[in-house]
C-alpha cells in the first residue's frame, strides 16, 4: 500500500465521510478550495479524487454546478430514482435545451403559421406584463417555447422538449438556479425572444436556429456567473466566521 497514489487515499477519505453521513445523498460537496484545505492536499488531488469517486458511483460531477453525492442504491445511472426524472443540473438541462430547441426553431421557420406567429407576439407582450412574477413569467416562457416546438411538426422533438420543460418546472435545484438569474436578465431575455420571433417571421431557418442558440448561450453564461458568485459569497461567509471566532478567542485570552 506504500506506493498507493495520493488521490486514491483522498478518495477513500471522502467516501468515508459520505458513509458517515457527513455528506448525505443529494448534498453538494464543499468547493475544491475548502476540501483541499480540510484534507491538507492540493486542489488537483481533490479533483482527481472526485473523478475517481464519480467512476465508483459515489459522486456525480455536474458541469457548472458542483460535485454531488449520489443517491442510495436503486437510483438509476443518471442519479434519479428508478422510474422518475434523473437528477440534473440547470447547466446540463440548458445545454440539452439549446440543442433541441434551436433545431426545433429551424424546422418551424419554413412552415410556421400566421396564427402561431400571432400567438408568439401575444406571448411576448405577456412576458413584459408578467414582470418579476416568477410563476407567471415561467408559465409564459414555457408556452412560448412549446409553441415553437409544436410548430416544428416533429412529434419526437415536441415530446423531448416537453420532457426537458418537466425538468425545468419540477427539479428544485434547476428552479432555484433560474430564479437566481431571471430577475436580473429580463431585458436581455426579452430581446432574445423577439429576435427568435422575427427570424421565424422571415421564414429563415438559419437565423431562427442562431437566434435560439444565442439565447441559450447567454443563459449558460449567466448560470456560470451566478455559480461563481455563489462560491465567492460562501468563501467570504466562511472567512468572516473564522475571523469572528479568532477575535472572540483573542478577547477571551
C-alpha atoms as a PDB file:
ATOM      1  CA  UNK A   1       0.000   0.000   0.000  1.00  0.00           C
ATOM      2  CA  UNK A   2       3.023   2.287   0.343  1.00  0.00           C
ATOM      3  CA  UNK A   3       3.039   3.087  -3.374  1.00  0.00           C
ATOM      4  CA  UNK A   4      -0.631   3.929  -3.444  1.00  0.00           C
ATOM      5  CA  UNK A   5      -1.306   7.205  -5.219  1.00  0.00           C
ATOM      6  CA  UNK A   6      -2.349  10.110  -3.001  1.00  0.00           C
ATOM      7  CA  UNK A   7      -5.618  10.855  -4.790  1.00  0.00           C
ATOM      8  CA  UNK A   8      -6.812   7.293  -4.076  1.00  0.00           C
ATOM      9  CA  UNK A   9      -6.231   7.804  -0.352  1.00  0.00           C
ATOM     10  CA  UNK A  10      -8.141  11.103  -0.516  1.00  0.00           C
ATOM     11  CA  UNK A  11     -10.935   9.403  -2.437  1.00  0.00           C
ATOM     12  CA  UNK A  12     -11.235   6.852   0.369  1.00  0.00           C
ATOM     13  CA  UNK A  13     -11.350   9.626   2.979  1.00  0.00           C
ATOM     14  CA  UNK A  14     -14.148  11.414   1.127  1.00  0.00           C
ATOM     15  CA  UNK A  15     -16.018   8.120   0.711  1.00  0.00           C
ATOM     16  CA  UNK A  16     -15.711   7.559   4.463  1.00  0.00           C
ATOM     17  CA  UNK A  17     -17.255  10.999   5.062  1.00  0.00           C
ATOM     18  CA  UNK A  18     -20.140  10.067   2.770  1.00  0.00           C
ATOM     19  CA  UNK A  19     -20.697   6.741   4.572  1.00  0.00           C
ATOM     20  CA  UNK A  20     -20.578   8.508   7.932  1.00  0.00           C
ATOM     21  CA  UNK A  21     -23.390  10.787   6.799  1.00  0.00           C
ATOM     22  CA  UNK A  22     -21.295  13.949   6.783  1.00  0.00           C
ATOM     23  CA  UNK A  23     -22.319  14.429   3.154  1.00  0.00           C
ATOM     24  CA  UNK A  24     -25.773  12.818   2.743  1.00  0.00           C
ATOM     25  CA  UNK A  25     -27.185  11.625  -0.619  1.00  0.00           C
ATOM     26  CA  UNK A  26     -28.071  14.522  -2.883  1.00  0.00           C
ATOM     27  CA  UNK A  27     -25.933  17.033  -0.983  1.00  0.00           C
ATOM     28  CA  UNK A  28     -23.322  19.210  -2.637  1.00  0.00           C
ATOM     29  CA  UNK A  29     -19.705  18.826  -1.552  1.00  0.00           C
ATOM     30  CA  UNK A  30     -17.787  21.946  -0.492  1.00  0.00           C
ATOM     31  CA  UNK A  31     -15.690  23.516  -3.245  1.00  0.00           C
ATOM     32  CA  UNK A  32     -12.241  22.255  -4.182  1.00  0.00           C
ATOM     33  CA  UNK A  33     -10.512  25.031  -2.225  1.00  0.00           C
ATOM     34  CA  UNK A  34     -12.284  24.172   1.019  1.00  0.00           C
ATOM     35  CA  UNK A  35     -11.823  20.427   0.548  1.00  0.00           C
ATOM     36  CA  UNK A  36      -8.127  20.839  -0.210  1.00  0.00           C
ATOM     37  CA  UNK A  37      -7.624  22.900   2.968  1.00  0.00           C
ATOM     38  CA  UNK A  38      -9.620  20.420   5.011  1.00  0.00           C
ATOM     39  CA  UNK A  39      -7.751  17.364   3.715  1.00  0.00           C
ATOM     40  CA  UNK A  40      -4.329  19.004   3.517  1.00  0.00           C
ATOM     41  CA  UNK A  41      -3.745  18.327  -0.167  1.00  0.00           C
ATOM     42  CA  UNK A  42      -3.771  20.302  -3.405  1.00  0.00           C
ATOM     43  CA  UNK A  43      -6.936  21.176  -5.326  1.00  0.00           C
ATOM     44  CA  UNK A  44      -5.671  18.991  -8.178  1.00  0.00           C
ATOM     45  CA  UNK A  45      -5.534  15.985  -5.843  1.00  0.00           C
ATOM     46  CA  UNK A  46      -9.083  16.713  -4.652  1.00  0.00           C
ATOM     47  CA  UNK A  47     -10.274  16.950  -8.248  1.00  0.00           C
ATOM     48  CA  UNK A  48      -8.632  13.622  -9.137  1.00  0.00           C
ATOM     49  CA  UNK A  49     -10.206  12.004  -6.057  1.00  0.00           C
ATOM     50  CA  UNK A  50     -13.656  13.310  -7.008  1.00  0.00           C
ATOM     51  CA  UNK A  51     -13.265  11.992 -10.553  1.00  0.00           C
ATOM     52  CA  UNK A  52     -12.313   8.598  -9.126  1.00  0.00           C
ATOM     53  CA  UNK A  53     -15.368   8.633  -6.861  1.00  0.00           C
ATOM     54  CA  UNK A  54     -17.575   9.508  -9.799  1.00  0.00           C
ATOM     55  CA  UNK A  55     -16.244   6.409 -11.567  1.00  0.00           C
ATOM     56  CA  UNK A  56     -17.168   4.376  -8.463  1.00  0.00           C
ATOM     57  CA  UNK A  57     -20.673   5.814  -8.486  1.00  0.00           C
ATOM     58  CA  UNK A  58     -20.234   7.659  -5.177  1.00  0.00           C
ATOM     59  CA  UNK A  59     -20.208  11.206  -6.543  1.00  0.00           C
ATOM     60  CA  UNK A  60     -21.638  12.967  -9.544  1.00  0.00           C
ATOM     61  CA  UNK A  61     -19.781  15.930 -11.081  1.00  0.00           C
ATOM     62  CA  UNK A  62     -22.113  18.429 -12.726  1.00  0.00           C
ATOM     63  CA  UNK A  63     -20.500  20.941 -15.064  1.00  0.00           C
ATOM     64  CA  UNK A  64     -21.061  24.486 -13.860  1.00  0.00           C
ATOM     65  CA  UNK A  65     -22.851  23.341 -10.705  1.00  0.00           C
ATOM     66  CA  UNK A  66     -20.556  21.339  -8.419  1.00  0.00           C
ATOM     67  CA  UNK A  67     -19.983  17.849  -7.035  1.00  0.00           C
ATOM     68  CA  UNK A  68     -22.910  15.960  -5.530  1.00  0.00           C
ATOM     69  CA  UNK A  69     -23.298  12.758  -3.543  1.00  0.00           C
ATOM     70  CA  UNK A  70     -25.199  10.119  -5.498  1.00  0.00           C
ATOM     71  CA  UNK A  71     -28.459   8.728  -4.178  1.00  0.00           C
ATOM     72  CA  UNK A  72     -28.860   5.395  -2.436  1.00  0.00           C
ATOM     73  CA  UNK A  73     -28.641   2.059  -4.210  1.00  0.00           C
ATOM     74  CA  UNK A  74     -31.542   1.614  -6.595  1.00  0.00           C
ATOM     75  CA  UNK A  75     -31.157   5.047  -8.160  1.00  0.00           C
ATOM     76  CA  UNK A  76     -30.613   4.994 -11.889  1.00  0.00           C
ATOM     77  CA  UNK A  77     -27.297   5.726 -13.580  1.00  0.00           C
ATOM     78  CA  UNK A  78     -28.208   9.385 -14.064  1.00  0.00           C
ATOM     79  CA  UNK A  79     -28.732   9.857 -10.355  1.00  0.00           C
ATOM     80  CA  UNK A  80     -32.529   9.825 -10.115  1.00  0.00           C
ATOM     81  CA  UNK A  81     -34.940   7.409  -8.544  1.00  0.00           C
ATOM     82  CA  UNK A  82     -35.977   4.460 -10.679  1.00  0.00           C
ATOM     83  CA  UNK A  83     -38.954   5.439 -12.863  1.00  0.00           C
ATOM     84  CA  UNK A  84     -38.549   9.167 -12.092  1.00  0.00           C
ATOM     85  CA  UNK A  85     -36.602  12.047 -13.536  1.00  0.00           C
ATOM     86  CA  UNK A  86     -32.809  11.748 -13.211  1.00  0.00           C
ATOM     87  CA  UNK A  87     -31.008  14.399 -11.205  1.00  0.00           C
ATOM     88  CA  UNK A  88     -29.508  17.034 -13.486  1.00  0.00           C
ATOM     89  CA  UNK A  89     -28.014  20.480 -13.090  1.00  0.00           C
ATOM     90  CA  UNK A  90     -29.524  23.604 -14.606  1.00  0.00           C
ATOM     91  CA  UNK A  91     -26.376  23.844 -16.736  1.00  0.00           C
ATOM     92  CA  UNK A  92     -26.849  20.341 -18.174  1.00  0.00           C
ATOM     93  CA  UNK A  93     -30.517  20.990 -18.838  1.00  0.00           C
ATOM     94  CA  UNK A  94     -29.831  24.270 -20.621  1.00  0.00           C
ATOM     95  CA  UNK A  95     -27.220  22.605 -22.837  1.00  0.00           C
ATOM     96  CA  UNK A  96     -29.798  19.994 -23.871  1.00  0.00           C
ATOM     97  CA  UNK A  97     -32.481  22.609 -24.429  1.00  0.00           C
ATOM     98  CA  UNK A  98     -30.119  24.571 -26.649  1.00  0.00           C
ATOM     99  CA  UNK A  99     -29.548  21.535 -28.861  1.00  0.00           C
ATOM    100  CA  UNK A 100     -33.195  20.558 -29.283  1.00  0.00           C
ATOM    101  CA  UNK A 101     -34.907  23.931 -29.219  1.00  0.00           C
ATOM    102  CA  UNK A 102     -32.514  25.503 -31.725  1.00  0.00           C
ATOM    103  CA  UNK A 103     -33.285  22.744 -34.222  1.00  0.00           C
ATOM    104  CA  UNK A 104     -36.997  22.984 -33.435  1.00  0.00           C
ATOM    105  CA  UNK A 105     -36.875  26.679 -34.345  1.00  0.00           C
ATOM    106  CA  UNK A 106     -35.060  25.889 -37.592  1.00  0.00           C
ATOM    107  CA  UNK A 107     -37.649  23.243 -38.516  1.00  0.00           C
ATOM    108  CA  UNK A 108     -40.535  25.547 -37.617  1.00  0.00           C
ATOM    109  CA  UNK A 109     -39.313  28.554 -39.608  1.00  0.00           C
ATOM    110  CA  UNK A 110     -40.433  27.481 -43.113  1.00  0.00           C
ATOM    111  CA  UNK A 111     -43.822  26.142 -42.012  1.00  0.00           C
ATOM    112  CA  UNK A 112     -44.942  28.184 -39.015  1.00  0.00           C
ATOM    113  CA  UNK A 113     -48.466  29.518 -39.405  1.00  0.00           C
ATOM    114  CA  UNK A 114     -49.573  33.134 -39.149  1.00  0.00           C
ATOM    115  CA  UNK A 115     -51.740  32.080 -36.205  1.00  0.00           C
ATOM    116  CA  UNK A 116     -48.694  30.737 -34.352  1.00  0.00           C
ATOM    117  CA  UNK A 117     -46.751  33.927 -35.098  1.00  0.00           C
ATOM    118  CA  UNK A 118     -49.633  35.983 -33.719  1.00  0.00           C
ATOM    119  CA  UNK A 119     -49.657  33.764 -30.617  1.00  0.00           C
ATOM    120  CA  UNK A 120     -45.908  34.287 -30.142  1.00  0.00           C
ATOM    121  CA  UNK A 121     -46.390  38.072 -30.423  1.00  0.00           C
ATOM    122  CA  UNK A 122     -49.074  37.884 -27.730  1.00  0.00           C
ATOM    123  CA  UNK A 123     -46.782  35.801 -25.511  1.00  0.00           C
ATOM    124  CA  UNK A 124     -44.024  38.394 -25.908  1.00  0.00           C
ATOM    125  CA  UNK A 125     -46.442  41.001 -24.580  1.00  0.00           C
ATOM    126  CA  UNK A 126     -47.414  38.704 -21.707  1.00  0.00           C
ATOM    127  CA  UNK A 127     -43.740  38.299 -20.762  1.00  0.00           C
ATOM    128  CA  UNK A 128     -43.432  42.054 -20.344  1.00  0.00           C
ATOM    129  CA  UNK A 129     -46.663  42.195 -18.329  1.00  0.00           C
ATOM    130  CA  UNK A 130     -45.507  39.344 -16.054  1.00  0.00           C
ATOM    131  CA  UNK A 131     -42.607  41.455 -14.796  1.00  0.00           C
ATOM    132  CA  UNK A 132     -40.980  39.839 -11.745  1.00  0.00           C
ATOM    133  CA  UNK A 133     -43.853  37.419 -11.120  1.00  0.00           C
ATOM    134  CA  UNK A 134     -41.707  34.292 -11.356  1.00  0.00           C
ATOM    135  CA  UNK A 135     -44.543  31.772 -11.592  1.00  0.00           C
ATOM    136  CA  UNK A 136     -46.354  33.706 -14.310  1.00  0.00           C
ATOM    137  CA  UNK A 137     -43.153  34.504 -16.199  1.00  0.00           C
ATOM    138  CA  UNK A 138     -42.097  30.840 -16.203  1.00  0.00           C
ATOM    139  CA  UNK A 139     -45.521  29.680 -17.405  1.00  0.00           C
ATOM    140  CA  UNK A 140     -45.495  32.180 -20.289  1.00  0.00           C
ATOM    141  CA  UNK A 141     -41.899  31.275 -21.155  1.00  0.00           C
ATOM    142  CA  UNK A 142     -42.844  27.590 -21.323  1.00  0.00           C
ATOM    143  CA  UNK A 143     -45.820  28.318 -23.589  1.00  0.00           C
ATOM    144  CA  UNK A 144     -43.587  30.415 -25.854  1.00  0.00           C
ATOM    145  CA  UNK A 145     -41.023  27.642 -26.309  1.00  0.00           C
ATOM    146  CA  UNK A 146     -43.639  24.897 -26.599  1.00  0.00           C
ATOM    147  CA  UNK A 147     -45.448  26.877 -29.315  1.00  0.00           C
ATOM    148  CA  UNK A 148     -42.261  26.898 -31.372  1.00  0.00           C
ATOM    149  CA  UNK A 149     -41.687  23.200 -30.683  1.00  0.00           C
ATOM    150  CA  UNK A 150     -45.245  22.380 -31.807  1.00  0.00           C
ATOM    151  CA  UNK A 151     -44.755  24.463 -34.950  1.00  0.00           C
ATOM    152  CA  UNK A 152     -41.820  22.217 -35.932  1.00  0.00           C
ATOM    153  CA  UNK A 153     -44.321  19.439 -36.680  1.00  0.00           C
ATOM    154  CA  UNK A 154     -41.937  16.787 -35.339  1.00  0.00           C
ATOM    155  CA  UNK A 155     -43.643  14.756 -32.612  1.00  0.00           C
ATOM    156  CA  UNK A 156     -40.387  13.332 -31.239  1.00  0.00           C
ATOM    157  CA  UNK A 157     -38.913  16.818 -30.839  1.00  0.00           C
ATOM    158  CA  UNK A 158     -42.146  18.065 -29.282  1.00  0.00           C
ATOM    159  CA  UNK A 159     -42.117  15.216 -26.748  1.00  0.00           C
ATOM    160  CA  UNK A 160     -38.426  15.747 -25.964  1.00  0.00           C
ATOM    161  CA  UNK A 161     -38.812  19.473 -25.364  1.00  0.00           C
ATOM    162  CA  UNK A 162     -41.889  18.850 -23.225  1.00  0.00           C
ATOM    163  CA  UNK A 163     -39.802  16.456 -21.101  1.00  0.00           C
ATOM    164  CA  UNK A 164     -36.992  18.993 -20.809  1.00  0.00           C
ATOM    165  CA  UNK A 165     -39.505  21.527 -19.571  1.00  0.00           C
ATOM    166  CA  UNK A 166     -40.665  18.987 -16.992  1.00  0.00           C
ATOM    167  CA  UNK A 167     -37.128  19.138 -15.551  1.00  0.00           C
ATOM    168  CA  UNK A 168     -37.254  22.927 -15.715  1.00  0.00           C
ATOM    169  CA  UNK A 169     -40.533  23.108 -13.796  1.00  0.00           C
ATOM    170  CA  UNK A 170     -40.124  20.268 -11.280  1.00  0.00           C
ATOM    171  CA  UNK A 171     -36.444  19.990 -10.305  1.00  0.00           C
ATOM    172  CA  UNK A 172     -35.885  22.169  -7.193  1.00  0.00           C
ATOM    173  CA  UNK A 173     -32.228  22.903  -7.949  1.00  0.00           C
ATOM    174  CA  UNK A 174     -32.984  23.870 -11.539  1.00  0.00           C
ATOM    175  CA  UNK A 175     -35.792  26.162 -10.402  1.00  0.00           C
ATOM    176  CA  UNK A 176     -33.558  27.844  -7.827  1.00  0.00           C
ATOM    177  CA  UNK A 177     -30.819  28.449 -10.384  1.00  0.00           C
ATOM    178  CA  UNK A 178     -33.249  30.049 -12.824  1.00  0.00           C
ATOM    179  CA  UNK A 179     -34.790  32.184 -10.100  1.00  0.00           C
ATOM    180  CA  UNK A 180     -31.346  33.461  -9.121  1.00  0.00           C
ATOM    181  CA  UNK A 181     -30.666  34.838 -12.602  1.00  0.00           C
ATOM    182  CA  UNK A 182     -34.011  35.547 -14.263  1.00  0.00           C
ATOM    183  CA  UNK A 183     -34.795  38.671 -12.230  1.00  0.00           C
ATOM    184  CA  UNK A 184     -31.533  40.210 -13.487  1.00  0.00           C
ATOM    185  CA  UNK A 185     -31.729  39.402 -17.193  1.00  0.00           C
ATOM    186  CA  UNK A 186     -35.294  40.344 -18.131  1.00  0.00           C
ATOM    187  CA  UNK A 187     -34.385  42.885 -20.809  1.00  0.00           C
ATOM    188  CA  UNK A 188     -31.808  40.616 -22.461  1.00  0.00           C
ATOM    189  CA  UNK A 189     -34.154  37.630 -22.384  1.00  0.00           C
ATOM    190  CA  UNK A 190     -36.996  39.649 -23.922  1.00  0.00           C
ATOM    191  CA  UNK A 191     -34.750  40.921 -26.720  1.00  0.00           C
ATOM    192  CA  UNK A 192     -33.595  37.364 -27.449  1.00  0.00           C
ATOM    193  CA  UNK A 193     -37.179  36.108 -27.655  1.00  0.00           C
ATOM    194  CA  UNK A 194     -38.061  38.948 -30.022  1.00  0.00           C
ATOM    195  CA  UNK A 195     -35.095  38.020 -32.237  1.00  0.00           C
ATOM    196  CA  UNK A 196     -36.332  34.403 -32.439  1.00  0.00           C
ATOM    197  CA  UNK A 197     -39.828  35.506 -33.462  1.00  0.00           C
ATOM    198  CA  UNK A 198     -38.503  37.902 -36.089  1.00  0.00           C
ATOM    199  CA  UNK A 199     -36.371  35.132 -37.625  1.00  0.00           C
ATOM    200  CA  UNK A 200     -39.426  32.854 -37.693  1.00  0.00           C
ATOM    201  CA  UNK A 201     -41.467  35.642 -39.310  1.00  0.00           C
ATOM    202  CA  UNK A 202     -38.867  35.885 -42.089  1.00  0.00           C
ATOM    203  CA  UNK A 203     -39.152  32.093 -42.555  1.00  0.00           C
ATOM    204  CA  UNK A 204     -35.374  31.895 -42.140  1.00  0.00           C
ATOM    205  CA  UNK A 205     -34.295  28.527 -40.609  1.00  0.00           C
ATOM    206  CA  UNK A 206     -30.644  29.505 -40.217  1.00  0.00           C
ATOM    207  CA  UNK A 207     -31.464  32.780 -38.461  1.00  0.00           C
ATOM    208  CA  UNK A 208     -34.057  31.092 -36.224  1.00  0.00           C
ATOM    209  CA  UNK A 209     -31.542  28.438 -35.171  1.00  0.00           C
ATOM    210  CA  UNK A 210     -28.875  31.062 -34.488  1.00  0.00           C
ATOM    211  CA  UNK A 211     -31.227  33.324 -32.528  1.00  0.00           C
ATOM    212  CA  UNK A 212     -32.293  30.437 -30.289  1.00  0.00           C
ATOM    213  CA  UNK A 213     -28.686  29.345 -29.755  1.00  0.00           C
ATOM    214  CA  UNK A 214     -27.664  32.866 -28.776  1.00  0.00           C
ATOM    215  CA  UNK A 215     -30.499  32.924 -26.241  1.00  0.00           C
ATOM    216  CA  UNK A 216     -29.288  29.746 -24.564  1.00  0.00           C
ATOM    217  CA  UNK A 217     -25.602  30.695 -24.819  1.00  0.00           C
ATOM    218  CA  UNK A 218     -26.262  33.871 -22.867  1.00  0.00           C
ATOM    219  CA  UNK A 219     -28.320  31.896 -20.340  1.00  0.00           C
ATOM    220  CA  UNK A 220     -25.455  29.441 -19.837  1.00  0.00           C
ATOM    221  CA  UNK A 221     -23.024  32.308 -19.252  1.00  0.00           C
ATOM    222  CA  UNK A 222     -25.387  33.810 -16.673  1.00  0.00           C
ATOM    223  CA  UNK A 223     -25.544  30.461 -14.866  1.00  0.00           C
ATOM    224  CA  UNK A 224     -21.756  30.209 -14.725  1.00  0.00           C
ATOM    225  CA  UNK A 225     -21.507  33.771 -13.394  1.00  0.00           C
ATOM    226  CA  UNK A 226     -24.151  33.029 -10.736  1.00  0.00           C
ATOM    227  CA  UNK A 227     -22.336  29.849  -9.675  1.00  0.00           C
ATOM    228  CA  UNK A 228     -19.017  31.672  -9.337  1.00  0.00           C
ATOM    229  CA  UNK A 229     -20.651  34.467  -7.353  1.00  0.00           C
ATOM    230  CA  UNK A 230     -22.316  31.972  -5.015  1.00  0.00           C
ATOM    231  CA  UNK A 231     -18.987  30.259  -4.379  1.00  0.00           C
ATOM    232  CA  UNK A 232     -17.307  33.621  -3.674  1.00  0.00           C
ATOM    233  CA  UNK A 233     -20.045  34.600  -1.231  1.00  0.00           C
ATOM    234  CA  UNK A 234     -19.721  31.256   0.549  1.00  0.00           C
ATOM    235  CA  UNK A 235     -15.950  31.723   0.899  1.00  0.00           C
ATOM    236  CA  UNK A 236     -16.478  35.250   2.219  1.00  0.00           C
ATOM    237  CA  UNK A 237     -19.048  33.952   4.723  1.00  0.00           C
ATOM    238  CA  UNK A 238     -16.701  31.259   5.994  1.00  0.00           C
ATOM    239  CA  UNK A 239     -13.825  33.742   6.203  1.00  0.00           C
ATOM    240  CA  UNK A 240     -15.984  36.124   8.244  1.00  0.00           C
ATOM    241  CA  UNK A 241     -16.976  33.308  10.606  1.00  0.00           C
ATOM    242  CA  UNK A 242     -13.340  32.283  11.066  1.00  0.00           C
ATOM    243  CA  UNK A 243     -12.330  35.893  11.725  1.00  0.00           C
ATOM    244  CA  UNK A 244     -15.120  36.281  14.288  1.00  0.00           C
ATOM    245  CA  UNK A 245     -14.048  33.114  16.113  1.00  0.00           C
ATOM    246  CA  UNK A 246     -10.440  34.331  16.132  1.00  0.00           C
ATOM    247  CA  UNK A 247     -11.414  37.701  17.591  1.00  0.00           C
ATOM    248  CA  UNK A 248     -13.594  36.091  20.259  1.00  0.00           C
ATOM    249  CA  UNK A 249     -10.777  33.709  21.193  1.00  0.00           C
ATOM    250  CA  UNK A 250      -8.290  36.577  21.327  1.00  0.00           C
ATOM    251  CA  UNK A 251     -10.553  38.622  23.645  1.00  0.00           C
ATOM    252  CA  UNK A 252     -11.092  35.642  25.934  1.00  0.00           C
ATOM    253  CA  UNK A 253      -7.381  35.027  26.087  1.00  0.00           C
END
